[in-house]
Each structure stands twice: as structure tokens, then as C-alpha cells.
Amino acid sequence: MHCSTPSSRRRGRTGERGDHIAPCRANWEAIAPFADAGVYVNNLGSEDRAREAYGEEKYRRLVALKDRVDPENVFHLNANILPSLTT
């Protein structure tokens, strides 16, 4: 496998024939069955993505917690869970 140097990456060359792509794809295919289907929750961007990240049961629990702790949605700049009053 050919690895590019920083100077060759700046010039747009990653290897003579892109030899690095096939091993990367093979590695991904080997580990894909063990990969979790979840998502990274730090920057979801939408309520739908939050539901997907947490799953429906956990999401309902988070909404109940949000209803008790932050019903006016003051803390909304994170992976936002909307209170049930606004959904």
C-alpha cells in the first residue's frame, strides 16, 4: 500500500493508482457488522436526528425529563429535546 506524503497531498496526489482505497474499503466491510447503527449526538441539528440517535423509548424518557426540568426550552443550544408542550 502506498501512503502519500504531506507534500503530495497538497499537490492532489494520493498514490499512483489510488492503492489506498481498496484496503480501506476491505477494512470497512470487515468491521461493518460490528459497527453500531447509532449516531454522534453532539451536533444532530434536528429533532428527527435526536429521535434516531436515542431511540423512541429513550427519547420519550428524555422528553419527560425535559418537561420537568426545562419546560420552556431554555437549554436549546445542545442536542435539543423539545418539551412535549412544544411538539
PDB file of N, CA and C in Angstrom:
ATOM      1  N   MET A   1       0.849  -1.173   0.000  1.00  0.00           N
ATOM      2  CA  MET A   1       0.000   0.000   0.000  1.00  0.00           C
ATOM      3  C   MET A   1       0.892   1.232   0.000  1.00  0.00           C
ATOM      4  N   HIS A   2       0.511   2.212  -0.759  1.00  0.00           N
ATOM      5  CA  HIS A   2       1.269   3.451  -0.882  1.00  0.00           C
ATOM      6  C   HIS A   2       0.640   4.512  -0.003  1.00  0.00           C
ATOM      7  N   CYS A   3       1.428   5.169   0.808  1.00  0.00           N
ATOM      8  CA  CYS A   3       0.944   6.281   1.624  1.00  0.00           C
ATOM      9  C   CYS A   3       1.483   7.570   1.039  1.00  0.00           C
ATOM     10  N   SER A   4       0.649   8.565   1.005  1.00  0.00           N
ATOM     11  CA  SER A   4       1.086   9.835   0.461  1.00  0.00           C
ATOM     12  C   SER A   4       1.812  10.646   1.523  1.00  0.00           C
ATOM     13  N   THR A   5       2.647  11.518   1.071  1.00  0.00           N
ATOM     14  CA  THR A   5       3.347  12.434   1.968  1.00  0.00           C
ATOM     15  C   THR A   5       2.556  13.727   2.013  1.00  0.00           C
ATOM     16  N   PRO A   6       2.755  14.559   3.040  1.00  0.00           N
ATOM     17  CA  PRO A   6       2.019  15.829   3.096  1.00  0.00           C
ATOM     18  C   PRO A   6       2.181  16.663   1.831  1.00  0.00           C
ATOM     19  N   SER A   7       3.389  16.678   1.263  1.00  0.00           N
ATOM     20  CA  SER A   7       3.579  17.499   0.070  1.00  0.00           C
ATOM     21  C   SER A   7       2.822  16.932  -1.120  1.00  0.00           C
ATOM     22  N   SER A   8       2.717  15.601  -1.247  1.00  0.00           N
ATOM     23  CA  SER A   8       1.972  15.039  -2.372  1.00  0.00           C
ATOM     24  C   SER A   8       0.474  15.245  -2.191  1.00  0.00           C
ATOM     25  N   ARG A   9      -0.024  15.264  -0.922  1.00  0.00           N
ATOM     26  CA  ARG A   9      -1.439  15.546  -0.694  1.00  0.00           C
ATOM     27  C   ARG A   9      -1.761  16.983  -1.104  1.00  0.00           C
ATOM     28  N   ARG A  10      -0.849  17.906  -0.824  1.00  0.00           N
ATOM     29  CA  ARG A  10      -1.097  19.288  -1.214  1.00  0.00           C
ATOM     30  C   ARG A  10      -1.192  19.422  -2.730  1.00  0.00           C
ATOM     31  N   ARG A  11      -0.443  18.590  -3.435  1.00  0.00           N
ATOM     32  CA  ARG A  11      -0.484  18.645  -4.896  1.00  0.00           C
ATOM     33  C   ARG A  11      -1.638  17.827  -5.457  1.00  0.00           C
ATOM     34  N   GLY A  12      -2.404  17.142  -4.567  1.00  0.00           N
ATOM     35  CA  GLY A  12      -3.553  16.387  -5.027  1.00  0.00           C
ATOM     36  C   GLY A  12      -3.252  14.939  -5.364  1.00  0.00           C
ATOM     37  N   ARG A  13      -2.037  14.464  -5.135  1.00  0.00           N
ATOM     38  CA  ARG A  13      -1.704  13.073  -5.428  1.00  0.00           C
ATOM     39  C   ARG A  13      -1.845  12.255  -4.160  1.00  0.00           C
ATOM     40  N   THR A  14      -2.534  11.138  -4.245  1.00  0.00           N
ATOM     41  CA  THR A  14      -2.687  10.280  -3.074  1.00  0.00           C
ATOM     42  C   THR A  14      -2.050   8.922  -3.280  1.00  0.00           C
ATOM     43  N   GLY A  15      -1.449   8.696  -4.372  1.00  0.00           N
ATOM     44  CA  GLY A  15      -0.848   7.408  -4.707  1.00  0.00           C
ATOM     45  C   GLY A  15      -0.922   7.262  -6.207  1.00  0.00           C
ATOM     46  N   GLU A  16      -0.129   6.406  -6.743  1.00  0.00           N
ATOM     47  CA  GLU A  16      -0.092   6.324  -8.194  1.00  0.00           C
ATOM     48  C   GLU A  16      -1.412   5.843  -8.783  1.00  0.00           C
ATOM     49  N   ARG A  17      -2.052   4.872  -8.137  1.00  0.00           N
ATOM     50  CA  ARG A  17      -3.309   4.344  -8.665  1.00  0.00           C
ATOM     51  C   ARG A  17      -4.416   4.369  -7.622  1.00  0.00           C
ATOM     52  N   GLY A  18      -4.251   5.157  -6.580  1.00  0.00           N
ATOM     53  CA  GLY A  18      -5.251   5.159  -5.518  1.00  0.00           C
ATOM     54  C   GLY A  18      -5.238   3.849  -4.749  1.00  0.00           C
ATOM     55  N   ASP A  19      -4.054   3.272  -4.575  1.00  0.00           N
ATOM     56  CA  ASP A  19      -3.917   1.961  -3.936  1.00  0.00           C
ATOM     57  C   ASP A  19      -4.464   1.925  -2.506  1.00  0.00           C
ATOM     58  N   HIS A  20      -4.672   3.055  -1.901  1.00  0.00           N
ATOM     59  CA  HIS A  20      -5.143   3.090  -0.515  1.00  0.00           C
ATOM     60  C   HIS A  20      -6.646   2.853  -0.404  1.00  0.00           C
ATOM     61  N   ILE A  21      -7.391   3.009  -1.471  1.00  0.00           N
ATOM     62  CA  ILE A  21      -8.841   2.926  -1.408  1.00  0.00           C
ATOM     63  C   ILE A  21      -9.314   1.493  -1.177  1.00  0.00           C
ATOM     64  N   ALA A  22      -8.796   0.557  -1.916  1.00  0.00           N
ATOM     65  CA  ALA A  22      -9.255  -0.834  -1.796  1.00  0.00           C
ATOM     66  C   ALA A  22      -9.040  -1.397  -0.392  1.00  0.00           C
ATOM     67  N   PRO A  23      -7.850  -1.226   0.224  1.00  0.00           N
ATOM     68  CA  PRO A  23      -7.689  -1.740   1.590  1.00  0.00           C
ATOM     69  C   PRO A  23      -8.627  -1.061   2.586  1.00  0.00           C
ATOM     70  N   CYS A  24      -8.881   0.223   2.411  1.00  0.00           N
ATOM     71  CA  CYS A  24      -9.812   0.915   3.313  1.00  0.00           C
ATOM     72  C   CYS A  24     -11.212   0.347   3.179  1.00  0.00           C
ATOM     73  N   ARG A  25     -11.648   0.121   1.961  1.00  0.00           N
ATOM     74  CA  ARG A  25     -12.976  -0.458   1.754  1.00  0.00           C
ATOM     75  C   ARG A  25     -13.050  -1.875   2.311  1.00  0.00           C
ATOM     76  N   ALA A  26     -12.017  -2.639   2.127  1.00  0.00           N
ATOM     77  CA  ALA A  26     -11.996  -4.007   2.658  1.00  0.00           C
ATOM     78  C   ALA A  26     -12.050  -3.994   4.182  1.00  0.00           C
ATOM     79  N   ASN A  27     -11.306  -3.071   4.794  1.00  0.00           N
ATOM     80  CA  ASN A  27     -11.354  -2.962   6.258  1.00  0.00           C
ATOM     81  C   ASN A  27     -12.742  -2.572   6.731  1.00  0.00           C
ATOM     82  N   TRP A  28     -13.367  -1.613   6.055  1.00  0.00           N
ATOM     83  CA  TRP A  28     -14.715  -1.195   6.448  1.00  0.00           C
ATOM     84  C   TRP A  28     -15.693  -2.363   6.327  1.00  0.00           C
ATOM     85  N   GLU A  29     -15.628  -3.107   5.250  1.00  0.00           N
ATOM     86  CA  GLU A  29     -16.529  -4.242   5.064  1.00  0.00           C
ATOM     87  C   GLU A  29     -16.314  -5.294   6.156  1.00  0.00           C
ATOM     88  N   ALA A  30     -15.065  -5.442   6.609  1.00  0.00           N
ATOM     89  CA  ALA A  30     -14.777  -6.423   7.659  1.00  0.00           C
ATOM     90  C   ALA A  30     -15.338  -5.999   9.016  1.00  0.00           C
ATOM     91  N   ILE A  31     -15.320  -4.700   9.314  1.00  0.00           N
ATOM     92  CA  ILE A  31     -15.784  -4.255  10.634  1.00  0.00           C
ATOM     93  C   ILE A  31     -17.236  -3.786  10.632  1.00  0.00           C
ATOM     94  N   ALA A  32     -17.840  -3.591   9.463  1.00  0.00           N
ATOM     95  CA  ALA A  32     -19.208  -3.076   9.382  1.00  0.00           C
ATOM     96  C   ALA A  32     -20.214  -3.882  10.200  1.00  0.00           C
ATOM     97  N   PRO A  33     -20.137  -5.224  10.237  1.00  0.00           N
ATOM     98  CA  PRO A  33     -21.114  -5.963  11.043  1.00  0.00           C
ATOM     99  C   PRO A  33     -21.035  -5.639  12.538  1.00  0.00           C
ATOM    100  N   PHE A  34     -19.930  -5.117  12.984  1.00  0.00           N
ATOM    101  CA  PHE A  34     -19.748  -4.808  14.406  1.00  0.00           C
ATOM    102  C   PHE A  34     -20.000  -3.331  14.720  1.00  0.00           C
ATOM    103  N   ALA A  35     -20.247  -2.529  13.697  1.00  0.00           N
ATOM    104  CA  ALA A  35     -20.459  -1.101  13.892  1.00  0.00           C
ATOM    105  C   ALA A  35     -21.865  -0.859  14.446  1.00  0.00           C
ATOM    106  N   ASP A  36     -21.966   0.056  15.370  1.00  0.00           N
ATOM    107  CA  ASP A  36     -23.247   0.420  15.947  1.00  0.00           C
ATOM    108  C   ASP A  36     -23.991   1.303  14.954  1.00  0.00           C
ATOM    109  N   ALA A  37     -25.288   1.150  14.900  1.00  0.00           N
ATOM    110  CA  ALA A  37     -26.090   1.938  13.970  1.00  0.00           C
ATOM    111  C   ALA A  37     -26.428   3.319  14.526  1.00  0.00           C
ATOM    112  N   GLY A  38     -25.932   3.661  15.704  1.00  0.00           N
ATOM    113  CA  GLY A  38     -26.240   4.942  16.320  1.00  0.00           C
ATOM    114  C   GLY A  38     -25.555   6.109  15.636  1.00  0.00           C
ATOM    115  N   VAL A  39     -25.844   7.285  16.142  1.00  0.00           N
ATOM    116  CA  VAL A  39     -25.245   8.496  15.598  1.00  0.00           C
ATOM    117  C   VAL A  39     -24.582   9.275  16.717  1.00  0.00           C
ATOM    118  N   TYR A  40     -23.676  10.151  16.371  1.00  0.00           N
ATOM    119  CA  TYR A  40     -22.987  11.005  17.323  1.00  0.00           C
ATOM    120  C   TYR A  40     -23.914  12.140  17.706  1.00  0.00           C
ATOM    121  N   VAL A  41     -24.204  12.310  18.993  1.00  0.00           N
ATOM    122  CA  VAL A  41     -25.270  13.217  19.424  1.00  0.00           C
ATOM    123  C   VAL A  41     -24.840  14.651  19.656  1.00  0.00           C
ATOM    124  N   ASN A  42     -23.598  14.977  19.510  1.00  0.00           N
ATOM    125  CA  ASN A  42     -23.145  16.318  19.850  1.00  0.00           C
ATOM    126  C   ASN A  42     -23.627  17.395  18.877  1.00  0.00           C
ATOM    127  N   ASN A  43     -23.883  17.051  17.650  1.00  0.00           N
ATOM    128  CA  ASN A  43     -24.286  18.055  16.662  1.00  0.00           C
ATOM    129  C   ASN A  43     -25.316  17.440  15.715  1.00  0.00           C
ATOM    130  N   LEU A  44     -26.501  17.158  16.233  1.00  0.00           N
ATOM    131  CA  LEU A  44     -27.506  16.474  15.439  1.00  0.00           C
ATOM    132  C   LEU A  44     -28.239  17.394  14.474  1.00  0.00           C
ATOM    133  N   GLY A  45     -28.592  18.579  14.932  1.00  0.00           N
ATOM    134  CA  GLY A  45     -29.211  19.544  14.050  1.00  0.00           C
ATOM    135  C   GLY A  45     -30.718  19.493  13.943  1.00  0.00           C
ATOM    136  N   SER A  46     -31.356  18.377  14.272  1.00  0.00           N
ATOM    137  CA  SER A  46     -32.822  18.334  14.165  1.00  0.00           C
ATOM    138  C   SER A  46     -33.390  17.351  15.171  1.00  0.00           C
ATOM    139  N   GLU A  47     -34.671  17.552  15.467  1.00  0.00           N
ATOM    140  CA  GLU A  47     -35.346  16.651  16.408  1.00  0.00           C
ATOM    141  C   GLU A  47     -35.398  15.231  15.863  1.00  0.00           C
ATOM    142  N   ASP A  48     -35.598  15.093  14.561  1.00  0.00           N
ATOM    143  CA  ASP A  48     -35.655  13.753  13.974  1.00  0.00           C
ATOM    144  C   ASP A  48     -34.357  12.995  14.190  1.00  0.00           C
ATOM    145  N   ARG A  49     -33.236  13.680  14.057  1.00  0.00           N
ATOM    146  CA  ARG A  49     -31.935  13.027  14.278  1.00  0.00           C
ATOM    147  C   ARG A  49     -31.767  12.651  15.745  1.00  0.00           C
ATOM    148  N   ALA A  50     -32.300  13.472  16.659  1.00  0.00           N
ATOM    149  CA  ALA A  50     -32.228  13.137  18.082  1.00  0.00           C
ATOM    150  C   ALA A  50     -33.044  11.890  18.368  1.00  0.00           C
ATOM    151  N   ARG A  51     -34.221  11.787  17.779  1.00  0.00           N
ATOM    152  CA  ARG A  51     -35.029  10.568  17.949  1.00  0.00           C
ATOM    153  C   ARG A  51     -34.274   9.347  17.441  1.00  0.00           C
ATOM    154  N   GLU A  52     -33.640   9.497  16.305  1.00  0.00           N
ATOM    155  CA  GLU A  52     -32.874   8.396  15.727  1.00  0.00           C
ATOM    156  C   GLU A  52     -31.703   8.009  16.628  1.00  0.00           C
ATOM    157  N   ALA A  53     -31.044   9.006  17.177  1.00  0.00           N
ATOM    158  CA  ALA A  53     -29.859   8.753  17.997  1.00  0.00           C
ATOM    159  C   ALA A  53     -30.207   8.021  19.289  1.00  0.00           C
ATOM    160  N   TYR A  54     -31.285   8.433  19.931  1.00  0.00           N
ATOM    161  CA  TYR A  54     -31.620   7.875  21.239  1.00  0.00           C
ATOM    162  C   TYR A  54     -32.578   6.700  21.167  1.00  0.00           C
ATOM    163  N   GLY A  55     -33.307   6.563  20.088  1.00  0.00           N
ATOM    164  CA  GLY A  55     -34.346   5.544  20.014  1.00  0.00           C
ATOM    165  C   GLY A  55     -35.620   6.085  20.651  1.00  0.00           C
ATOM    166  N   GLU A  56     -36.755   5.539  20.254  1.00  0.00           N
ATOM    167  CA  GLU A  56     -38.041   6.095  20.669  1.00  0.00           C
ATOM    168  C   GLU A  56     -38.266   6.014  22.182  1.00  0.00           C
ATOM    169  N   GLU A  57     -37.935   4.896  22.798  1.00  0.00           N
ATOM    170  CA  GLU A  57     -38.170   4.748  24.244  1.00  0.00           C
ATOM    171  C   GLU A  57     -37.335   5.747  25.059  1.00  0.00           C
ATOM    172  N   LYS A  58     -36.052   5.826  24.764  1.00  0.00           N
ATOM    173  CA  LYS A  58     -35.193   6.768  25.489  1.00  0.00           C
ATOM    174  C   LYS A  58     -35.590   8.208  25.190  1.00  0.00           C
ATOM    175  N   TYR A  59     -35.984   8.466  23.940  1.00  0.00           N
ATOM    176  CA  TYR A  59     -36.389   9.819  23.578  1.00  0.00           C
ATOM    177  C   TYR A  59     -37.611  10.249  24.389  1.00  0.00           C
ATOM    178  N   ARG A  60     -38.590   9.362  24.552  1.00  0.00           N
ATOM    179  CA  ARG A  60     -39.772   9.689  25.361  1.00  0.00           C
ATOM    180  C   ARG A  60     -39.379   9.981  26.803  1.00  0.00           C
ATOM    181  N   ARG A  61     -38.427   9.219  27.340  1.00  0.00           N
ATOM    182  CA  ARG A  61     -37.950   9.476  28.700  1.00  0.00           C
ATOM    183  C   ARG A  61     -37.263  10.836  28.785  1.00  0.00           C
ATOM    184  N   LEU A  62     -36.491  11.194  27.756  1.00  0.00           N
ATOM    185  CA  LEU A  62     -35.822  12.495  27.741  1.00  0.00           C
ATOM    186  C   LEU A  62     -36.829  13.633  27.646  1.00  0.00           C
ATOM    187  N   VAL A  63     -37.892  13.432  26.872  1.00  0.00           N
ATOM    188  CA  VAL A  63     -38.942  14.457  26.783  1.00  0.00           C
ATOM    189  C   VAL A  63     -39.598  14.637  28.146  1.00  0.00           C
ATOM    190  N   ALA A  64     -39.885  13.547  28.852  1.00  0.00           N
ATOM    191  CA  ALA A  64     -40.487  13.645  30.187  1.00  0.00           C
ATOM    192  C   ALA A  64     -39.555  14.395  31.139  1.00  0.00           C
ATOM    193  N   LEU A  65     -38.265  14.115  31.054  1.00  0.00           N
ATOM    194  CA  LEU A  65     -37.291  14.826  31.878  1.00  0.00           C
ATOM    195  C   LEU A  65     -37.252  16.307  31.501  1.00  0.00           C
ATOM    196  N   LYS A  66     -37.267  16.596  30.211  1.00  0.00           N
ATOM    197  CA  LYS A  66     -37.261  17.980  29.744  1.00  0.00           C
ATOM    198  C   LYS A  66     -38.513  18.717  30.226  1.00  0.00           C
ATOM    199  N   ASP A  67     -39.652  18.036  30.241  1.00  0.00           N
ATOM    200  CA  ASP A  67     -40.891  18.641  30.734  1.00  0.00           C
ATOM    201  C   ASP A  67     -40.760  19.063  32.195  1.00  0.00           C
ATOM    202  N   ARG A  68     -40.065  18.259  32.986  1.00  0.00           N
ATOM    203  CA  ARG A  68     -39.897  18.572  34.408  1.00  0.00           C
ATOM    204  C   ARG A  68     -38.839  19.634  34.648  1.00  0.00           C
ATOM    205  N   VAL A  69     -37.710  19.525  33.956  1.00  0.00           N
ATOM    206  CA  VAL A  69     -36.542  20.356  34.261  1.00  0.00           C
ATOM    207  C   VAL A  69     -36.492  21.646  33.437  1.00  0.00           C
ATOM    208  N   ASP A  70     -36.907  21.588  32.194  1.00  0.00           N
ATOM    209  CA  ASP A  70     -36.777  22.749  31.298  1.00  0.00           C
ATOM    210  C   ASP A  70     -37.988  22.866  30.374  1.00  0.00           C
ATOM    211  N   PRO A  71     -39.191  23.057  30.918  1.00  0.00           N
ATOM    212  CA  PRO A  71     -40.387  23.093  30.073  1.00  0.00           C
ATOM    213  C   PRO A  71     -40.421  24.269  29.106  1.00  0.00           C
ATOM    214  N   GLU A  72     -39.669  25.320  29.382  1.00  0.00           N
ATOM    215  CA  GLU A  72     -39.653  26.478  28.483  1.00  0.00           C
ATOM    216  C   GLU A  72     -38.527  26.396  27.456  1.00  0.00           C
ATOM    217  N   ASN A  73     -37.799  25.293  27.451  1.00  0.00           N
ATOM    218  CA  ASN A  73     -36.737  25.020  26.472  1.00  0.00           C
ATOM    219  C   ASN A  73     -35.640  26.084  26.485  1.00  0.00           C
ATOM    220  N   VAL A  74     -35.266  26.504  27.680  1.00  0.00           N
ATOM    221  CA  VAL A  74     -34.182  27.479  27.824  1.00  0.00           C
ATOM    222  C   VAL A  74     -32.874  26.879  27.305  1.00  0.00           C
ATOM    223  N   PHE A  75     -32.633  25.610  27.626  1.00  0.00           N
ATOM    224  CA  PHE A  75     -31.403  24.933  27.198  1.00  0.00           C
ATOM    225  C   PHE A  75     -31.662  24.256  25.851  1.00  0.00           C
ATOM    226  N   HIS A  76     -31.575  25.025  24.797  1.00  0.00           N
ATOM    227  CA  HIS A  76     -31.897  24.515  23.468  1.00  0.00           C
ATOM    228  C   HIS A  76     -30.717  24.525  22.501  1.00  0.00           C
ATOM    229  N   LEU A  77     -29.561  24.931  22.950  1.00  0.00           N
ATOM    230  CA  LEU A  77     -28.410  25.035  22.047  1.00  0.00           C
ATOM    231  C   LEU A  77     -27.571  23.761  21.998  1.00  0.00           C
ATOM    232  N   ASN A  78     -28.061  22.706  22.570  1.00  0.00           N
ATOM    233  CA  ASN A  78     -27.370  21.423  22.554  1.00  0.00           C
ATOM    234  C   ASN A  78     -28.109  20.487  21.600  1.00  0.00           C
ATOM    235  N   ALA A  79     -27.923  19.198  21.775  1.00  0.00           N
ATOM    236  CA  ALA A  79     -28.731  18.237  21.020  1.00  0.00           C
ATOM    237  C   ALA A  79     -30.141  18.354  21.582  1.00  0.00           C
ATOM    238  N   ASN A  80     -30.929  19.243  21.035  1.00  0.00           N
ATOM    239  CA  ASN A  80     -32.178  19.670  21.648  1.00  0.00           C
ATOM    240  C   ASN A  80     -33.229  18.566  21.673  1.00  0.00           C
ATOM    241  N   ILE A  81     -33.819  18.428  22.839  1.00  0.00           N
ATOM    242  CA  ILE A  81     -35.002  17.610  23.038  1.00  0.00           C
ATOM    243  C   ILE A  81     -36.109  18.607  23.370  1.00  0.00           C
ATOM    244  N   LEU A  82     -37.115  18.674  22.529  1.00  0.00           N
ATOM    245  CA  LEU A  82     -38.196  19.626  22.760  1.00  0.00           C
ATOM    246  C   LEU A  82     -39.113  19.133  23.869  1.00  0.00           C
ATOM    247  N   PRO A  83     -39.567  20.026  24.747  1.00  0.00           N
ATOM    248  CA  PRO A  83     -40.576  19.625  25.727  1.00  0.00           C
ATOM    249  C   PRO A  83     -41.859  19.229  25.010  1.00  0.00           C
ATOM    250  N   SER A  84     -42.671  18.394  25.626  1.00  0.00           N
ATOM    251  CA  SER A  84     -43.878  17.907  24.957  1.00  0.00           C
ATOM    252  C   SER A  84     -44.874  19.024  24.669  1.00  0.00           C
ATOM    253  N   LEU A  85     -44.798  20.126  25.398  1.00  0.00           N
ATOM    254  CA  LEU A  85     -45.715  21.227  25.166  1.00  0.00           C
ATOM    255  C   LEU A  85     -45.475  21.902  23.825  1.00  0.00           C
ATOM    256  N   THR A  86     -44.265  21.754  23.268  1.00  0.00           N
ATOM    257  CA  THR A  86     -43.944  22.409  22.002  1.00  0.00           C
ATOM    258  C   THR A  86     -43.936  21.439  20.840  1.00  0.00           C
ATOM    259  N   THR A  87     -44.120  20.144  21.090  1.00  0.00           N
ATOM    260  CA  THR A  87     -44.085  19.171  19.991  1.00  0.00           C
ATOM    261  C   THR A  87     -45.462  18.870  19.471  1.00  0.00           C
TER     262      THR A  87
END
